[in-house]
Amino acid sequence: MRNAVEDLYTEDLRYLTPTLKLIEGRKALIDFFESIRALIAQVQVQPLYTWGDPERVIYQFCNTERRSPGSGEISKAHYIAAFRQVDGDWLIEMEVPALGHIVGLPSAP
């Protein structure tokens, strides 16, 4: 988890959770992800659309499915991530999550 956050996010990151809690900085994001890791047995991400200008920002729309350990309960969510190229690496600049179904966009298979 730590390596993924350090590889993908800049130190001055701001991450908005699905419950609209603002998280700032890599350490806070690592702590947030670690706190929910025990609650999630499996996460699947399905990228659906990617668009933008590679010289500026690339956007990606994804569906996610999370399976809870024990109960097997499945929750679905969607998010749009904005990627910006910094020193030759693509970093997540922003993620905007949305819980539930978004009208007009296809669901994951």
PDB file of N, CA and C in Angstrom:
ATOM      1  N   MET A   1       0.828  -1.181   0.000  1.00  0.00           N
ATOM      2  CA  MET A   1       0.000   0.000   0.000  1.00  0.00           C
ATOM      3  C   MET A   1       0.877   1.251   0.000  1.00  0.00           C
ATOM      4  N   ARG A   2       1.836   1.282   0.888  1.00  0.00           N
ATOM      5  CA  ARG A   2       2.725   2.444   0.999  1.00  0.00           C
ATOM      6  C   ARG A   2       3.423   2.727  -0.334  1.00  0.00           C
ATOM      7  N   ASN A   3       3.957   1.686  -0.966  1.00  0.00           N
ATOM      8  CA  ASN A   3       4.665   1.877  -2.239  1.00  0.00           C
ATOM      9  C   ASN A   3       3.742   2.422  -3.317  1.00  0.00           C
ATOM     10  N   ALA A   4       2.525   1.920  -3.382  1.00  0.00           N
ATOM     11  CA  ALA A   4       1.584   2.391  -4.400  1.00  0.00           C
ATOM     12  C   ALA A   4       1.274   3.870  -4.195  1.00  0.00           C
ATOM     13  N   VAL A   5       1.030   4.268  -2.967  1.00  0.00           N
ATOM     14  CA  VAL A   5       0.730   5.678  -2.690  1.00  0.00           C
ATOM     15  C   VAL A   5       1.936   6.549  -3.024  1.00  0.00           C
ATOM     16  N   GLU A   6       3.113   6.101  -2.634  1.00  0.00           N
ATOM     17  CA  GLU A   6       4.315   6.894  -2.903  1.00  0.00           C
ATOM     18  C   GLU A   6       4.629   6.960  -4.398  1.00  0.00           C
ATOM     19  N   ASP A   7       4.300   5.902  -5.148  1.00  0.00           N
ATOM     20  CA  ASP A   7       4.555   5.893  -6.589  1.00  0.00           C
ATOM     21  C   ASP A   7       3.540   6.723  -7.366  1.00  0.00           C
ATOM     22  N   LEU A   8       2.289   6.766  -6.905  1.00  0.00           N
ATOM     23  CA  LEU A   8       1.219   7.383  -7.680  1.00  0.00           C
ATOM     24  C   LEU A   8       0.860   8.807  -7.261  1.00  0.00           C
ATOM     25  N   TYR A   9       1.084   9.157  -6.006  1.00  0.00           N
ATOM     26  CA  TYR A   9       0.618  10.442  -5.498  1.00  0.00           C
ATOM     27  C   TYR A   9       1.784  11.348  -5.108  1.00  0.00           C
ATOM     28  N   THR A  10       1.610  12.652  -5.334  1.00  0.00           N
ATOM     29  CA  THR A  10       2.609  13.613  -4.878  1.00  0.00           C
ATOM     30  C   THR A  10       2.392  13.865  -3.385  1.00  0.00           C
ATOM     31  N   GLU A  11       3.405  14.404  -2.710  1.00  0.00           N
ATOM     32  CA  GLU A  11       3.320  14.631  -1.261  1.00  0.00           C
ATOM     33  C   GLU A  11       2.202  15.616  -0.909  1.00  0.00           C
ATOM     34  N   ASP A  12       1.908  16.542  -1.787  1.00  0.00           N
ATOM     35  CA  ASP A  12       0.888  17.558  -1.480  1.00  0.00           C
ATOM     36  C   ASP A  12      -0.518  17.133  -1.928  1.00  0.00           C
ATOM     37  N   LEU A  13      -0.756  15.828  -1.991  1.00  0.00           N
ATOM     38  CA  LEU A  13      -2.042  15.315  -2.468  1.00  0.00           C
ATOM     39  C   LEU A  13      -3.200  15.753  -1.587  1.00  0.00           C
ATOM     40  N   ARG A  14      -4.354  15.819  -2.234  1.00  0.00           N
ATOM     41  CA  ARG A  14      -5.639  16.002  -1.552  1.00  0.00           C
ATOM     42  C   ARG A  14      -6.558  14.935  -2.105  1.00  0.00           C
ATOM     43  N   TYR A  15      -7.127  14.118  -1.225  1.00  0.00           N
ATOM     44  CA  TYR A  15      -7.956  12.981  -1.626  1.00  0.00           C
ATOM     45  C   TYR A  15      -9.307  13.137  -0.941  1.00  0.00           C
ATOM     46  N   LEU A  16     -10.377  13.119  -1.720  1.00  0.00           N
ATOM     47  CA  LEU A  16     -11.721  13.235  -1.184  1.00  0.00           C
ATOM     48  C   LEU A  16     -12.343  11.849  -1.118  1.00  0.00           C
ATOM     49  N   THR A  17     -12.679  11.394   0.076  1.00  0.00           N
ATOM     50  CA  THR A  17     -13.256  10.067   0.245  1.00  0.00           C
ATOM     51  C   THR A  17     -14.715  10.063  -0.214  1.00  0.00           C
ATOM     52  N   PRO A  18     -15.298   8.879  -0.397  1.00  0.00           N
ATOM     53  CA  PRO A  18     -16.722   8.819  -0.779  1.00  0.00           C
ATOM     54  C   PRO A  18     -17.647   9.468   0.239  1.00  0.00           C
ATOM     55  N   THR A  19     -17.198   9.608   1.490  1.00  0.00           N
ATOM     56  CA  THR A  19     -18.010  10.273   2.506  1.00  0.00           C
ATOM     57  C   THR A  19     -17.653  11.752   2.615  1.00  0.00           C
ATOM     58  N   LEU A  20     -16.914  12.254   1.634  1.00  0.00           N
ATOM     59  CA  LEU A  20     -16.540  13.663   1.513  1.00  0.00           C
ATOM     60  C   LEU A  20     -15.600  14.150   2.613  1.00  0.00           C
ATOM     61  N   LYS A  21     -14.785  13.250   3.124  1.00  0.00           N
ATOM     62  CA  LYS A  21     -13.730  13.634   4.054  1.00  0.00           C
ATOM     63  C   LYS A  21     -12.488  13.957   3.226  1.00  0.00           C
ATOM     64  N   LEU A  22     -11.905  15.126   3.466  1.00  0.00           N
ATOM     65  CA  LEU A  22     -10.710  15.536   2.745  1.00  0.00           C
ATOM     66  C   LEU A  22      -9.468  15.008   3.463  1.00  0.00           C
ATOM     67  N   ILE A  23      -8.635  14.287   2.727  1.00  0.00           N
ATOM     68  CA  ILE A  23      -7.380  13.756   3.260  1.00  0.00           C
ATOM     69  C   ILE A  23      -6.249  14.479   2.548  1.00  0.00           C
ATOM     70  N   GLU A  24      -5.270  14.948   3.316  1.00  0.00           N
ATOM     71  CA  GLU A  24      -4.152  15.686   2.741  1.00  0.00           C
ATOM     72  C   GLU A  24      -2.832  15.029   3.105  1.00  0.00           C
ATOM     73  N   GLY A  25      -1.980  14.806   2.110  1.00  0.00           N
ATOM     74  CA  GLY A  25      -0.647  14.250   2.337  1.00  0.00           C
ATOM     75  C   GLY A  25      -0.600  12.737   2.212  1.00  0.00           C
ATOM     76  N   ARG A  26       0.581  12.249   1.823  1.00  0.00           N
ATOM     77  CA  ARG A  26       0.758  10.810   1.621  1.00  0.00           C
ATOM     78  C   ARG A  26       0.514  10.001   2.886  1.00  0.00           C
ATOM     79  N   LYS A  27       1.067  10.438   4.014  1.00  0.00           N
ATOM     80  CA  LYS A  27       0.924   9.657   5.252  1.00  0.00           C
ATOM     81  C   LYS A  27      -0.546   9.495   5.623  1.00  0.00           C
ATOM     82  N   ALA A  28      -1.306  10.568   5.522  1.00  0.00           N
ATOM     83  CA  ALA A  28      -2.731  10.499   5.858  1.00  0.00           C
ATOM     84  C   ALA A  28      -3.470   9.554   4.916  1.00  0.00           C
ATOM     85  N   LEU A  29      -3.094   9.550   3.621  1.00  0.00           N
ATOM     86  CA  LEU A  29      -3.745   8.654   2.672  1.00  0.00           C
ATOM     87  C   LEU A  29      -3.373   7.196   2.947  1.00  0.00           C
ATOM     88  N   ILE A  30      -2.111   6.944   3.249  1.00  0.00           N
ATOM     89  CA  ILE A  30      -1.693   5.583   3.610  1.00  0.00           C
ATOM     90  C   ILE A  30      -2.466   5.108   4.834  1.00  0.00           C
ATOM     91  N   ASP A  31      -2.575   5.963   5.852  1.00  0.00           N
ATOM     92  CA  ASP A  31      -3.327   5.605   7.060  1.00  0.00           C
ATOM     93  C   ASP A  31      -4.788   5.305   6.729  1.00  0.00           C
ATOM     94  N   PHE A  32      -5.391   6.108   5.846  1.00  0.00           N
ATOM     95  CA  PHE A  32      -6.783   5.896   5.448  1.00  0.00           C
ATOM     96  C   PHE A  32      -6.944   4.550   4.744  1.00  0.00           C
ATOM     97  N   PHE A  33      -6.088   4.264   3.767  1.00  0.00           N
ATOM     98  CA  PHE A  33      -6.173   2.995   3.049  1.00  0.00           C
ATOM     99  C   PHE A  33      -5.929   1.805   3.975  1.00  0.00           C
ATOM    100  N   GLU A  34      -4.983   1.930   4.876  1.00  0.00           N
ATOM    101  CA  GLU A  34      -4.711   0.834   5.815  1.00  0.00           C
ATOM    102  C   GLU A  34      -5.908   0.591   6.730  1.00  0.00           C
ATOM    103  N   SER A  35      -6.611   1.658   7.107  1.00  0.00           N
ATOM    104  CA  SER A  35      -7.756   1.496   8.015  1.00  0.00           C
ATOM    105  C   SER A  35      -8.907   0.745   7.361  1.00  0.00           C
ATOM    106  N   ILE A  36      -9.021   0.836   6.030  1.00  0.00           N
ATOM    107  CA  ILE A  36     -10.118   0.115   5.369  1.00  0.00           C
ATOM    108  C   ILE A  36      -9.680  -1.212   4.769  1.00  0.00           C
ATOM    109  N   ARG A  37      -8.389  -1.455   4.750  1.00  0.00           N
ATOM    110  CA  ARG A  37      -7.895  -2.706   4.149  1.00  0.00           C
ATOM    111  C   ARG A  37      -8.509  -3.935   4.818  1.00  0.00           C
ATOM    112  N   ALA A  38      -8.625  -3.921   6.133  1.00  0.00           N
ATOM    113  CA  ALA A  38      -9.169  -5.073   6.858  1.00  0.00           C
ATOM    114  C   ALA A  38     -10.660  -5.274   6.575  1.00  0.00           C
ATOM    115  N   LEU A  39     -11.319  -4.226   6.093  1.00  0.00           N
ATOM    116  CA  LEU A  39     -12.756  -4.324   5.831  1.00  0.00           C
ATOM    117  C   LEU A  39     -13.069  -4.810   4.424  1.00  0.00           C
ATOM    118  N   ILE A  40     -12.062  -4.874   3.586  1.00  0.00           N
ATOM    119  CA  ILE A  40     -12.280  -5.226   2.185  1.00  0.00           C
ATOM    120  C   ILE A  40     -11.454  -6.461   1.836  1.00  0.00           C
ATOM    121  N   ALA A  41     -12.133  -7.496   1.398  1.00  0.00           N
ATOM    122  CA  ALA A  41     -11.435  -8.725   1.029  1.00  0.00           C
ATOM    123  C   ALA A  41     -10.894  -8.637  -0.388  1.00  0.00           C
ATOM    124  N   GLN A  42     -11.606  -7.938  -1.257  1.00  0.00           N
ATOM    125  CA  GLN A  42     -11.225  -7.912  -2.658  1.00  0.00           C
ATOM    126  C   GLN A  42     -11.759  -6.627  -3.295  1.00  0.00           C
ATOM    127  N   VAL A  43     -10.961  -6.006  -4.148  1.00  0.00           N
ATOM    128  CA  VAL A  43     -11.399  -4.837  -4.913  1.00  0.00           C
ATOM    129  C   VAL A  43     -11.078  -5.093  -6.377  1.00  0.00           C
ATOM    130  N   GLN A  44     -12.058  -4.883  -7.231  1.00  0.00           N
ATOM    131  CA  GLN A  44     -11.843  -4.982  -8.671  1.00  0.00           C
ATOM    132  C   GLN A  44     -12.129  -3.614  -9.283  1.00  0.00           C
ATOM    133  N   VAL A  45     -11.219  -3.152 -10.132  1.00  0.00           N
ATOM    134  CA  VAL A  45     -11.388  -1.869 -10.810  1.00  0.00           C
ATOM    135  C   VAL A  45     -11.467  -2.134 -12.302  1.00  0.00           C
ATOM    136  N   GLN A  46     -12.521  -1.598 -12.922  1.00  0.00           N
ATOM    137  CA  GLN A  46     -12.691  -1.763 -14.362  1.00  0.00           C
ATOM    138  C   GLN A  46     -12.654  -0.386 -15.029  1.00  0.00           C
ATOM    139  N   PRO A  47     -11.529  -0.036 -15.675  1.00  0.00           N
ATOM    140  CA  PRO A  47     -11.498   1.233 -16.422  1.00  0.00           C
ATOM    141  C   PRO A  47     -12.480   1.164 -17.594  1.00  0.00           C
ATOM    142  N   LEU A  48     -13.318   2.186 -17.745  1.00  0.00           N
ATOM    143  CA  LEU A  48     -14.310   2.202 -18.812  1.00  0.00           C
ATOM    144  C   LEU A  48     -13.962   3.203 -19.903  1.00  0.00           C
ATOM    145  N   TYR A  49     -13.605   4.394 -19.513  1.00  0.00           N
ATOM    146  CA  TYR A  49     -13.299   5.432 -20.492  1.00  0.00           C
ATOM    147  C   TYR A  49     -12.011   6.139 -20.092  1.00  0.00           C
ATOM    148  N   THR A  50     -11.229   6.524 -21.070  1.00  0.00           N
ATOM    149  CA  THR A  50     -10.050   7.361 -20.845  1.00  0.00           C
ATOM    150  C   THR A  50     -10.080   8.453 -21.909  1.00  0.00           C
ATOM    151  N   TRP A  51      -9.865   9.702 -21.494  1.00  0.00           N
ATOM    152  CA  TRP A  51      -9.869  10.809 -22.437  1.00  0.00           C
ATOM    153  C   TRP A  51      -8.971  11.919 -21.904  1.00  0.00           C
ATOM    154  N   GLY A  52      -8.678  12.887 -22.737  1.00  0.00           N
ATOM    155  CA  GLY A  52      -7.873  14.026 -22.336  1.00  0.00           C
ATOM    156  C   GLY A  52      -6.723  14.272 -23.285  1.00  0.00           C
ATOM    157  N   ASP A  53      -5.877  15.185 -22.914  1.00  0.00           N
ATOM    158  CA  ASP A  53      -4.722  15.580 -23.699  1.00  0.00           C
ATOM    159  C   ASP A  53      -3.465  15.084 -22.995  1.00  0.00           C
ATOM    160  N   PRO A  54      -2.740  14.133 -23.577  1.00  0.00           N
ATOM    161  CA  PRO A  54      -1.549  13.587 -22.913  1.00  0.00           C
ATOM    162  C   PRO A  54      -0.507  14.645 -22.554  1.00  0.00           C
ATOM    163  N   GLU A  55      -0.564  15.807 -23.212  1.00  0.00           N
ATOM    164  CA  GLU A  55       0.372  16.881 -22.882  1.00  0.00           C
ATOM    165  C   GLU A  55      -0.054  17.634 -21.626  1.00  0.00           C
ATOM    166  N   ARG A  56      -1.298  17.420 -21.179  1.00  0.00           N
ATOM    167  CA  ARG A  56      -1.806  18.151 -20.009  1.00  0.00           C
ATOM    168  C   ARG A  56      -2.315  17.191 -18.940  1.00  0.00           C
ATOM    169  N   VAL A  57      -3.543  16.718 -19.106  1.00  0.00           N
ATOM    170  CA  VAL A  57      -4.162  15.847 -18.104  1.00  0.00           C
ATOM    171  C   VAL A  57      -4.933  14.747 -18.818  1.00  0.00           C
ATOM    172  N   ILE A  58      -4.836  13.526 -18.294  1.00  0.00           N
ATOM    173  CA  ILE A  58      -5.621  12.385 -18.777  1.00  0.00           C
ATOM    174  C   ILE A  58      -6.665  12.066 -17.696  1.00  0.00           C
ATOM    175  N   TYR A  59      -7.898  11.837 -18.117  1.00  0.00           N
ATOM    176  CA  TYR A  59      -8.965  11.472 -17.191  1.00  0.00           C
ATOM    177  C   TYR A  59      -9.367  10.024 -17.450  1.00  0.00           C
ATOM    178  N   GLN A  60      -9.725   9.314 -16.400  1.00  0.00           N
ATOM    179  CA  GLN A  60     -10.170   7.933 -16.551  1.00  0.00           C
ATOM    180  C   GLN A  60     -11.385   7.702 -15.669  1.00  0.00           C
ATOM    181  N   PHE A  61     -12.437   7.142 -16.267  1.00  0.00           N
ATOM    182  CA  PHE A  61     -13.631   6.774 -15.514  1.00  0.00           C
ATOM    183  C   PHE A  61     -13.566   5.285 -15.224  1.00  0.00           C
ATOM    184  N   CYS A  62     -13.793   4.899 -13.981  1.00  0.00           N
ATOM    185  CA  CYS A  62     -13.714   3.492 -13.578  1.00  0.00           C
ATOM    186  C   CYS A  62     -14.919   3.100 -12.737  1.00  0.00           C
ATOM    187  N   ASN A  63     -15.276   1.837 -12.821  1.00  0.00           N
ATOM    188  CA  ASN A  63     -16.201   1.193 -11.888  1.00  0.00           C
ATOM    189  C   ASN A  63     -15.367   0.387 -10.903  1.00  0.00           C
ATOM    190  N   THR A  64     -15.794   0.320  -9.659  1.00  0.00           N
ATOM    191  CA  THR A  64     -15.132  -0.548  -8.694  1.00  0.00           C
ATOM    192  C   THR A  64     -16.176  -1.427  -8.010  1.00  0.00           C
ATOM    193  N   GLU A  65     -15.753  -2.623  -7.648  1.00  0.00           N
ATOM    194  CA  GLU A  65     -16.568  -3.526  -6.831  1.00  0.00           C
ATOM    195  C   GLU A  65     -15.717  -3.957  -5.651  1.00  0.00           C
ATOM    196  N   ARG A  66     -16.271  -3.821  -4.460  1.00  0.00           N
ATOM    197  CA  ARG A  66     -15.569  -4.220  -3.241  1.00  0.00           C
ATOM    198  C   ARG A  66     -16.338  -5.357  -2.590  1.00  0.00           C
ATOM    199  N   ARG A  67     -15.630  -6.413  -2.225  1.00  0.00           N
ATOM    200  CA  ARG A  67     -16.241  -7.564  -1.573  1.00  0.00           C
ATOM    201  C   ARG A  67     -15.756  -7.607  -0.129  1.00  0.00           C
ATOM    202  N   SER A  68     -16.705  -7.583   0.817  1.00  0.00           N
ATOM    203  CA  SER A  68     -16.369  -7.609   2.234  1.00  0.00           C
ATOM    204  C   SER A  68     -15.976  -9.011   2.671  1.00  0.00           C
ATOM    205  N   PRO A  69     -14.994  -9.116   3.577  1.00  0.00           N
ATOM    206  CA  PRO A  69     -14.623 -10.445   4.071  1.00  0.00           C
ATOM    207  C   PRO A  69     -15.740 -11.029   4.935  1.00  0.00           C
ATOM    208  N   GLY A  70     -15.841 -12.323   4.957  1.00  0.00           N
ATOM    209  CA  GLY A  70     -16.849 -12.984   5.796  1.00  0.00           C
ATOM    210  C   GLY A  70     -18.217 -12.990   5.163  1.00  0.00           C
ATOM    211  N   SER A  71     -18.853 -11.819   5.062  1.00  0.00           N
ATOM    212  CA  SER A  71     -20.232 -11.750   4.563  1.00  0.00           C
ATOM    213  C   SER A  71     -20.300 -11.891   3.047  1.00  0.00           C
ATOM    214  N   GLY A  72     -19.227 -11.524   2.357  1.00  0.00           N
ATOM    215  CA  GLY A  72     -19.250 -11.566   0.903  1.00  0.00           C
ATOM    216  C   GLY A  72     -20.063 -10.440   0.288  1.00  0.00           C
ATOM    217  N   GLU A  73     -20.528  -9.487   1.118  1.00  0.00           N
ATOM    218  CA  GLU A  73     -21.320  -8.360   0.630  1.00  0.00           C
ATOM    219  C   GLU A  73     -20.520  -7.563  -0.404  1.00  0.00           C
ATOM    220  N   ILE A  74     -21.201  -7.172  -1.477  1.00  0.00           N
ATOM    221  CA  ILE A  74     -20.543  -6.434  -2.561  1.00  0.00           C
ATOM    222  C   ILE A  74     -21.089  -5.011  -2.598  1.00  0.00           C
ATOM    223  N   SER A  75     -20.183  -4.033  -2.630  1.00  0.00           N
ATOM    224  CA  SER A  75     -20.596  -2.645  -2.832  1.00  0.00           C
ATOM    225  C   SER A  75     -19.951  -2.144  -4.115  1.00  0.00           C
ATOM    226  N   LYS A  76     -20.684  -1.312  -4.830  1.00  0.00           N
ATOM    227  CA  LYS A  76     -20.196  -0.787  -6.103  1.00  0.00           C
ATOM    228  C   LYS A  76     -20.030   0.718  -5.990  1.00  0.00           C
ATOM    229  N   ALA A  77     -19.042   1.232  -6.689  1.00  0.00           N
ATOM    230  CA  ALA A  77     -18.806   2.665  -6.732  1.00  0.00           C
ATOM    231  C   ALA A  77     -18.183   3.015  -8.077  1.00  0.00           C
ATOM    232  N   HIS A  78     -18.097   4.283  -8.338  1.00  0.00           N
ATOM    233  CA  HIS A  78     -17.508   4.785  -9.572  1.00  0.00           C
ATOM    234  C   HIS A  78     -16.577   5.929  -9.200  1.00  0.00           C
ATOM    235  N   TYR A  79     -15.576   6.176 -10.013  1.00  0.00           N
ATOM    236  CA  TYR A  79     -14.767   7.365  -9.788  1.00  0.00           C
ATOM    237  C   TYR A  79     -14.125   7.823 -11.081  1.00  0.00           C
ATOM    238  N   ILE A  80     -13.772   9.084 -11.096  1.00  0.00           N
ATOM    239  CA  ILE A  80     -12.994   9.659 -12.187  1.00  0.00           C
ATOM    240  C   ILE A  80     -11.661  10.078 -11.592  1.00  0.00           C
ATOM    241  N   ALA A  81     -10.583   9.668 -12.224  1.00  0.00           N
ATOM    242  CA  ALA A  81      -9.241  10.035 -11.774  1.00  0.00           C
ATOM    243  C   ALA A  81      -8.600  10.919 -12.838  1.00  0.00           C
ATOM    244  N   ALA A  82      -7.882  11.925 -12.388  1.00  0.00           N
ATOM    245  CA  ALA A  82      -7.136  12.801 -13.293  1.00  0.00           C
ATOM    246  C   ALA A  82      -5.655  12.519 -13.091  1.00  0.00           C
ATOM    247  N   PHE A  83      -4.963  12.210 -14.178  1.00  0.00           N
ATOM    248  CA  PHE A  83      -3.530  11.914 -14.138  1.00  0.00           C
ATOM    249  C   PHE A  83      -2.762  13.040 -14.825  1.00  0.00           C
ATOM    250  N   ARG A  84      -1.657  13.450 -14.232  1.00  0.00           N
ATOM    251  CA  ARG A  84      -0.790  14.469 -14.820  1.00  0.00           C
ATOM    252  C   ARG A  84       0.624  13.914 -14.864  1.00  0.00           C
ATOM    253  N   GLN A  85       1.325  14.209 -15.939  1.00  0.00           N
ATOM    254  CA  GLN A  85       2.695  13.725 -16.072  1.00  0.00           C
ATOM    255  C   GLN A  85       3.645  14.694 -15.360  1.00  0.00           C
ATOM    256  N   VAL A  86       4.443  14.138 -14.430  1.00  0.00           N
ATOM    257  CA  VAL A  86       5.408  14.923 -13.661  1.00  0.00           C
ATOM    258  C   VAL A  86       6.759  14.223 -13.764  1.00  0.00           C
ATOM    259  N   ASP A  87       7.731  14.896 -14.337  1.00  0.00           N
ATOM    260  CA  ASP A  87       9.078  14.346 -14.488  1.00  0.00           C
ATOM    261  C   ASP A  87       9.068  12.957 -15.140  1.00  0.00           C
ATOM    262  N   GLY A  88       8.225  12.772 -16.143  1.00  0.00           N
ATOM    263  CA  GLY A  88       8.184  11.516 -16.880  1.00  0.00           C
ATOM    264  C   GLY A  88       7.298  10.446 -16.268  1.00  0.00           C
ATOM    265  N   ASP A  89       6.752  10.666 -15.076  1.00  0.00           N
ATOM    266  CA  ASP A  89       5.867   9.692 -14.429  1.00  0.00           C
ATOM    267  C   ASP A  89       4.435  10.216 -14.447  1.00  0.00           C
ATOM    268  N   TRP A  90       3.465   9.308 -14.584  1.00  0.00           N
ATOM    269  CA  TRP A  90       2.059   9.683 -14.498  1.00  0.00           C
ATOM    270  C   TRP A  90       1.615   9.552 -13.047  1.00  0.00           C
ATOM    271  N   LEU A  91       1.147  10.648 -12.454  1.00  0.00           N
ATOM    272  CA  LEU A  91       0.693  10.667 -11.070  1.00  0.00           C
ATOM    273  C   LEU A  91      -0.787  11.002 -11.019  1.00  0.00           C
ATOM    274  N   ILE A  92      -1.484  10.413 -10.052  1.00  0.00           N
ATOM    275  CA  ILE A  92      -2.893  10.740  -9.867  1.00  0.00           C
ATOM    276  C   ILE A  92      -2.956  12.117  -9.226  1.00  0.00           C
ATOM    277  N   GLU A  93      -3.590  13.032  -9.934  1.00  0.00           N
ATOM    278  CA  GLU A  93      -3.708  14.386  -9.427  1.00  0.00           C
ATOM    279  C   GLU A  93      -4.985  14.560  -8.617  1.00  0.00           C
ATOM    280  N   MET A  94      -6.043  13.849  -9.019  1.00  0.00           N
ATOM    281  CA  MET A  94      -7.317  14.013  -8.351  1.00  0.00           C
ATOM    282  C   MET A  94      -8.176  12.784  -8.595  1.00  0.00           C
ATOM    283  N   GLU A  95      -8.949  12.381  -7.582  1.00  0.00           N
ATOM    284  CA  GLU A  95      -9.954  11.336  -7.744  1.00  0.00           C
ATOM    285  C   GLU A  95     -11.275  11.867  -7.220  1.00  0.00           C
ATOM    286  N   VAL A  96     -12.340  11.621  -7.971  1.00  0.00           N
ATOM    287  CA  VAL A  96     -13.672  12.035  -7.545  1.00  0.00           C
ATOM    288  C   VAL A  96     -14.545  10.792  -7.512  1.00  0.00           C
ATOM    289  N   PRO A  97     -14.846  10.276  -6.308  1.00  0.00           N
ATOM    290  CA  PRO A  97     -15.670   9.068  -6.215  1.00  0.00           C
ATOM    291  C   PRO A  97     -17.160   9.395  -6.213  1.00  0.00           C
ATOM    292  N   ALA A  98     -17.964   8.429  -6.640  1.00  0.00           N
ATOM    293  CA  ALA A  98     -19.420   8.538  -6.585  1.00  0.00           C
ATOM    294  C   ALA A  98     -19.956   7.170  -6.225  1.00  0.00           C
ATOM    295  N   LEU A  99     -20.726   7.080  -5.161  1.00  0.00           N
ATOM    296  CA  LEU A  99     -21.291   5.806  -4.745  1.00  0.00           C
ATOM    297  C   LEU A  99     -22.537   5.485  -5.555  1.00  0.00           C
ATOM    298  N   GLY A 100     -22.793   4.201  -5.760  1.00  0.00           N
ATOM    299  CA  GLY A 100     -24.013   3.778  -6.418  1.00  0.00           C
ATOM    300  C   GLY A 100     -23.950   3.875  -7.926  1.00  0.00           C
ATOM    301  N   HIS A 101     -25.097   3.936  -8.547  1.00  0.00           N
ATOM    302  CA  HIS A 101     -25.225   3.896 -10.006  1.00  0.00           C
ATOM    303  C   HIS A 101     -25.262   5.304 -10.573  1.00  0.00           C
ATOM    304  N   ILE A 102     -24.538   5.545 -11.653  1.00  0.00           N
ATOM    305  CA  ILE A 102     -24.582   6.826 -12.346  1.00  0.00           C
ATOM    306  C   ILE A 102     -25.422   6.632 -13.600  1.00  0.00           C
ATOM    307  N   VAL A 103     -26.506   7.380 -13.719  1.00  0.00           N
ATOM    308  CA  VAL A 103     -27.427   7.250 -14.836  1.00  0.00           C
ATOM    309  C   VAL A 103     -26.710   7.638 -16.134  1.00  0.00           C
ATOM    310  N   GLY A 104     -26.918   6.813 -17.166  1.00  0.00           N
ATOM    311  CA  GLY A 104     -26.385   7.127 -18.478  1.00  0.00           C
ATOM    312  C   GLY A 104     -25.017   6.527 -18.753  1.00  0.00           C
ATOM    313  N   LEU A 105     -24.365   5.973 -17.756  1.00  0.00           N
ATOM    314  CA  LEU A 105     -23.072   5.346 -17.960  1.00  0.00           C
ATOM    315  C   LEU A 105     -23.205   3.841 -17.754  1.00  0.00           C
ATOM    316  N   PRO A 106     -22.498   3.061 -18.540  1.00  0.00           N
ATOM    317  CA  PRO A 106     -22.643   1.593 -18.427  1.00  0.00           C
ATOM    318  C   PRO A 106     -22.099   1.083 -17.103  1.00  0.00           C
ATOM    319  N   SER A 107     -22.690   0.025 -16.612  1.00  0.00           N
ATOM    320  CA  SER A 107     -22.184  -0.648 -15.417  1.00  0.00           C
ATOM    321  C   SER A 107     -21.110  -1.620 -15.803  1.00  0.00           C
ATOM    322  N   ALA A 108     -20.308  -2.017 -14.842  1.00  0.00           N
ATOM    323  CA  ALA A 108     -19.274  -3.019 -15.101  1.00  0.00           C
ATOM    324  C   ALA A 108     -19.947  -4.349 -15.414  1.00  0.00           C
ATOM    325  N   PRO A 109     -19.334  -5.147 -16.285  1.00  0.00           N
ATOM    326  CA  PRO A 109     -19.928  -6.440 -16.625  1.00  0.00           C
ATOM    327  C   PRO A 109     -19.950  -7.366 -15.423  1.00  0.00           C
TER     328      PRO A 109
END
